C-alpha atoms as a PDB file:
ATOM      1  CA  MET A   1      -0.051   0.008   0.016  1.00  0.00           C
ATOM      2  CA  ARG A   2       2.712   2.433   0.747  1.00  0.00           C
ATOM      3  CA  TYR A   3       4.136   2.140  -2.798  1.00  0.00           C
ATOM      4  CA  LEU A   4       0.767   2.924  -4.372  1.00  0.00           C
ATOM      5  CA  PRO A   5       1.527   6.710  -4.878  1.00  0.00           C
ATOM      6  CA  ILE A   6       4.813   5.884  -6.673  1.00  0.00           C
ATOM      7  CA  VAL A   7       3.044   3.349  -8.926  1.00  0.00           C
ATOM      8  CA  LEU A   8       0.274   5.765  -9.741  1.00  0.00           C
ATOM      9  CA  VAL A   9       2.651   8.599 -10.706  1.00  0.00           C
ATOM     10  CA  SER A  10       4.770   6.125 -12.783  1.00  0.00           C
ATOM     11  CA  LEU A  11       1.688   5.093 -14.676  1.00  0.00           C
ATOM     12  CA  LEU A  12       0.472   8.645 -15.187  1.00  0.00           C
ATOM     13  CA  LEU A  13       3.839   9.598 -16.642  1.00  0.00           C
ATOM     14  CA  ALA A  14       3.915   6.500 -18.844  1.00  0.00           C
ATOM     15  CA  PHE A  15       0.520   7.229 -20.358  1.00  0.00           C
ATOM     16  CA  CYS A  16       0.766  11.060 -20.533  1.00  0.00           C
ATOM     17  CA  GLY A  17       4.335  11.442 -21.672  1.00  0.00           C
ATOM     18  CA  PRO A  18       6.552  14.375 -20.560  1.00  0.00           C
ATOM     19  CA  ILE A  19       4.818  17.137 -18.652  1.00  0.00           C
ATOM     20  CA  ASN A  20       5.024  20.901 -18.532  1.00  0.00           C
ATOM     21  CA  ALA A  21       5.296  22.113 -14.943  1.00  0.00           C
ATOM     22  CA  GLU A  22       2.751  24.905 -15.654  1.00  0.00           C
ATOM     23  CA  ASN A  23      -0.168  22.919 -17.021  1.00  0.00           C
ATOM     24  CA  GLY A  24       0.785  19.248 -16.864  1.00  0.00           C
ATOM     25  CA  LYS A  25       1.147  18.809 -20.692  1.00  0.00           C
ATOM     26  CA  PRO A  26       4.068  19.022 -23.095  1.00  0.00           C
ATOM     27  CA  LEU A  27       4.385  22.416 -24.795  1.00  0.00           C
ATOM     28  CA  LYS A  28       4.450  20.924 -28.272  1.00  0.00           C
ATOM     29  CA  VAL A  29       4.698  17.453 -29.766  1.00  0.00           C
ATOM     30  CA  ILE A  30       6.597  17.798 -33.080  1.00  0.00           C
ATOM     31  CA  GLY A  31       6.789  14.146 -33.870  1.00  0.00           C
ATOM     32  CA  SER A  32       7.025  10.659 -32.325  1.00  0.00           C
ATOM     33  CA  ASP A  33      10.732  11.413 -31.811  1.00  0.00           C
ATOM     34  CA  LEU A  34      10.585  14.958 -30.518  1.00  0.00           C
ATOM     35  CA  THR A  35       8.604  16.622 -27.731  1.00  0.00           C
ATOM     36  CA  ILE A  36       9.187  20.189 -26.543  1.00  0.00           C
ATOM     37  CA  GLN A  37       8.515  20.196 -22.802  1.00  0.00           C
ATOM     38  CA  THR A  38       9.178  23.874 -21.957  1.00  0.00           C
ATOM     39  CA  ALA A  39      10.402  27.014 -23.638  1.00  0.00           C
ATOM     40  CA  GLU A  40      11.746  30.097 -21.775  1.00  0.00           C
ATOM     41  CA  GLN A  41      13.988  33.118 -22.388  1.00  0.00           C
ATOM     42  CA  GLY A  42      16.533  34.649 -20.217  1.00  0.00           C
ATOM     43  CA  GLU A  43      20.176  35.138 -19.269  1.00  0.00           C
ATOM     44  CA  PHE A  44      22.736  32.459 -19.446  1.00  0.00           C
ATOM     45  CA  LEU A  45      25.006  32.743 -16.386  1.00  0.00           C
ATOM     46  CA  SER A  46      28.062  31.270 -17.986  1.00  0.00           C
ATOM     47  CA  LYS A  47      30.175  31.874 -21.103  1.00  0.00           C
ATOM     48  CA  PRO A  48      30.132  29.757 -23.156  1.00  0.00           C
ATOM     49  CA  ALA A  49      26.337  29.170 -22.568  1.00  0.00           C
ATOM     50  CA  ASP A  50      25.279  26.275 -20.409  1.00  0.00           C
ATOM     51  CA  PRO A  51      21.498  25.619 -20.514  1.00  0.00           C
ATOM     52  CA  ARG A  52      21.716  24.368 -16.879  1.00  0.00           C
ATOM     53  CA  ARG A  53      22.967  27.748 -15.738  1.00  0.00           C
ATOM     54  CA  PHE A  54      20.115  29.956 -16.723  1.00  0.00           C
ATOM     55  CA  LYS A  55      17.989  32.780 -15.160  1.00  0.00           C
ATOM     56  CA  PRO A  56      14.584  33.294 -16.771  1.00  0.00           C
ATOM     57  CA  SER A  57      13.897  36.982 -17.508  1.00  0.00           C
ATOM     58  CA  ASN A  58      12.046  39.272 -19.922  1.00  0.00           C
ATOM     59  CA  PHE A  59      14.427  42.127 -19.330  1.00  0.00           C
ATOM     60  CA  ALA A  60      18.003  42.870 -20.455  1.00  0.00           C
ATOM     61  CA  GLY A  61      20.400  45.685 -19.763  1.00  0.00           C
ATOM     62  CA  LYS A  62      23.819  46.781 -20.911  1.00  0.00           C
ATOM     63  CA  THR A  63      25.439  44.640 -18.336  1.00  0.00           C
ATOM     64  CA  THR A  64      23.442  41.520 -19.293  1.00  0.00           C
ATOM     65  CA  GLY A  65      25.685  38.684 -20.434  1.00  0.00           C
ATOM     66  CA  LEU A  66      24.520  36.074 -22.905  1.00  0.00           C
ATOM     67  CA  PHE A  67      20.783  36.347 -23.431  1.00  0.00           C
ATOM     68  CA  GLY A  68      18.507  34.007 -25.405  1.00  0.00           C
ATOM     69  CA  TRP A  69      16.180  31.115 -25.018  1.00  0.00           C
ATOM     70  CA  ARG A  70      16.256  27.421 -24.060  1.00  0.00           C
ATOM     71  CA  MET A  71      13.828  24.582 -24.665  1.00  0.00           C
ATOM     72  CA  LYS A  72      13.732  21.345 -22.677  1.00  0.00           C
ATOM     73  CA  VAL A  73      13.292  18.516 -25.149  1.00  0.00           C
ATOM     74  CA  GLN A  74      12.660  14.875 -25.151  1.00  0.00           C
ATOM     75  CA  THR A  75      14.149  13.375 -28.259  1.00  0.00           C
ATOM     76  CA  THR A  76      16.155  10.641 -29.850  1.00  0.00           C
ATOM     77  CA  ARG A  77      17.385  12.995 -32.591  1.00  0.00           C
ATOM     78  CA  LYS A  78      21.162  13.915 -32.888  1.00  0.00           C
ATOM     79  CA  SER A  79      20.160  17.419 -34.114  1.00  0.00           C
ATOM     80  CA  ILE A  80      16.995  19.546 -34.414  1.00  0.00           C
ATOM     81  CA  LEU A  81      16.183  22.072 -37.099  1.00  0.00           C
ATOM     82  CA  VAL A  82      15.607  25.514 -35.600  1.00  0.00           C
ATOM     83  CA  GLU A  83      14.399  28.753 -37.292  1.00  0.00           C
ATOM     84  CA  GLU A  84      14.559  32.000 -35.376  1.00  0.00           C
ATOM     85  CA  GLN A  85      12.872  35.082 -36.669  1.00  0.00           C
ATOM     86  CA  ASP A  86      14.105  38.178 -34.808  1.00  0.00           C
ATOM     87  CA  SER A  87      12.833  41.806 -34.786  1.00  0.00           C
ATOM     88  CA  LEU A  88      16.280  42.954 -33.438  1.00  0.00           C
ATOM     89  CA  ALA A  89      17.741  41.906 -36.863  1.00  0.00           C
ATOM     90  CA  ASN A  90      14.829  43.589 -38.827  1.00  0.00           C
ATOM     91  CA  GLY A  91      12.891  40.312 -39.222  1.00  0.00           C
ATOM     92  CA  TYR A  92      15.940  38.318 -40.378  1.00  0.00           C
ATOM     93  CA  THR A  93      15.572  34.546 -40.139  1.00  0.00           C
ATOM     94  CA  MET A  94      18.318  32.461 -38.916  1.00  0.00           C
ATOM     95  CA  SER A  95      18.189  28.685 -39.308  1.00  0.00           C
ATOM     96  CA  PHE A  96      20.466  26.276 -37.654  1.00  0.00           C
ATOM     97  CA  LYS A  97      20.734  22.705 -36.384  1.00  0.00           C
ATOM     98  CA  ALA A  98      20.689  22.583 -32.571  1.00  0.00           C
ATOM     99  CA  VAL A  99      22.326  19.633 -30.910  1.00  0.00           C
ATOM    100  CA  PRO A 100      20.618  18.803 -27.614  1.00  0.00           C
ATOM    101  CA  LYS A 101      22.865  19.180 -24.455  1.00  0.00           C
ATOM    102  CA  PHE A 102      21.740  18.131 -21.118  1.00  0.00           C
ATOM    103  CA  GLY A 103      18.158  17.703 -22.402  1.00  0.00           C
ATOM    104  CA  TYR A 104      17.981  21.276 -23.862  1.00  0.00           C
ATOM    105  CA  ILE A 105      18.420  23.091 -27.214  1.00  0.00           C
ATOM    106  CA  TYR A 106      19.161  26.783 -26.905  1.00  0.00           C
ATOM    107  CA  SER A 107      20.314  29.915 -28.575  1.00  0.00           C
ATOM    108  CA  ALA A 108      22.400  32.527 -26.709  1.00  0.00           C
ATOM    109  CA  ASN A 109      24.099  35.787 -27.859  1.00  0.00           C
ATOM    110  CA  ASP A 110      25.208  39.125 -26.537  1.00  0.00           C
ATOM    111  CA  LEU A 111      23.554  41.263 -29.159  1.00  0.00           C
ATOM    112  CA  LEU A 112      21.392  43.030 -26.655  1.00  0.00           C
ATOM    113  CA  ARG A 113      24.380  44.834 -25.094  1.00  0.00           C
ATOM    114  CA  THR A 114      24.545  47.057 -28.206  1.00  0.00           C
ATOM    115  CA  ALA A 115      20.731  47.158 -28.834  1.00  0.00           C
ATOM    116  CA  ALA A 116      18.807  50.469 -28.382  1.00  0.00           C
ATOM    117  CA  SER A 117      16.359  50.574 -25.520  1.00  0.00           C
ATOM    118  CA  GLY A 118      12.944  49.078 -26.443  1.00  0.00           C
ATOM    119  CA  LYS A 119      11.030  45.944 -26.915  1.00  0.00           C
ATOM    120  CA  TYR A 120      12.202  43.153 -29.299  1.00  0.00           C
ATOM    121  CA  GLU A 121      10.294  40.067 -30.374  1.00  0.00           C
ATOM    122  CA  SER A 122      11.496  36.728 -31.672  1.00  0.00           C
ATOM    123  CA  ARG A 123       9.633  33.710 -32.868  1.00  0.00           C
ATOM    124  CA  VAL A 124      11.103  30.235 -32.785  1.00  0.00           C
ATOM    125  CA  LEU A 125      10.070  27.437 -35.053  1.00  0.00           C
ATOM    126  CA  ILE A 126      11.106  23.804 -34.723  1.00  0.00           C
ATOM    127  CA  ASP A 127      10.873  21.721 -37.900  1.00  0.00           C
ATOM    128  CA  ASN A 128       8.841  24.561 -39.471  1.00  0.00           C
ATOM    129  CA  GLU A 129       6.298  24.386 -36.565  1.00  0.00           C
ATOM    130  CA  PRO A 130       5.836  27.646 -34.463  1.00  0.00           C
ATOM    131  CA  VAL A 131       6.757  26.755 -30.912  1.00  0.00           C
ATOM    132  CA  ALA A 132       7.404  29.963 -28.999  1.00  0.00           C
ATOM    133  CA  ASN A 133       7.177  33.733 -29.214  1.00  0.00           C
ATOM    134  CA  PHE A 134       9.463  35.724 -26.934  1.00  0.00           C
ATOM    135  CA  THR A 135       9.427  39.450 -26.070  1.00  0.00           C
ATOM    136  CA  VAL A 136      12.410  41.097 -24.274  1.00  0.00           C
ATOM    137  CA  THR A 137      12.613  44.665 -23.060  1.00  0.00           C
ATOM    138  CA  VAL A 138      16.001  46.142 -23.314  1.00  0.00           C
ATOM    139  CA  LYS A 139      16.717  49.023 -20.744  1.00  0.00           C
END
């Protein structure tokens, strides 16, 4: 009887797949071999960027180090096609293959240090599927 809660949670995870902490569901299922569990933006606390050392934020300043986004993924793929559309670069689209590290794919840069104050938006697509829209305010 004392193992019943563990068994129930295990069965729930087995039938429901990965969960998003906010609503109990994956953020986006791209295919049978790729599930996006979470997506967030913020500051990477190390250089080079390490997705485990990350502080979520919607604000950046002149002293902010590497800033960008990370997505927790569950996949068997060796690389994932990412497309990033960024208003900071006047709508320029950047495509790259992200290699999962520590269960995350991510993009980090220090472009916001030289950006004028204001709001900037970016849209991230995975395998041509829209996954996340981010807005950052540069002060």
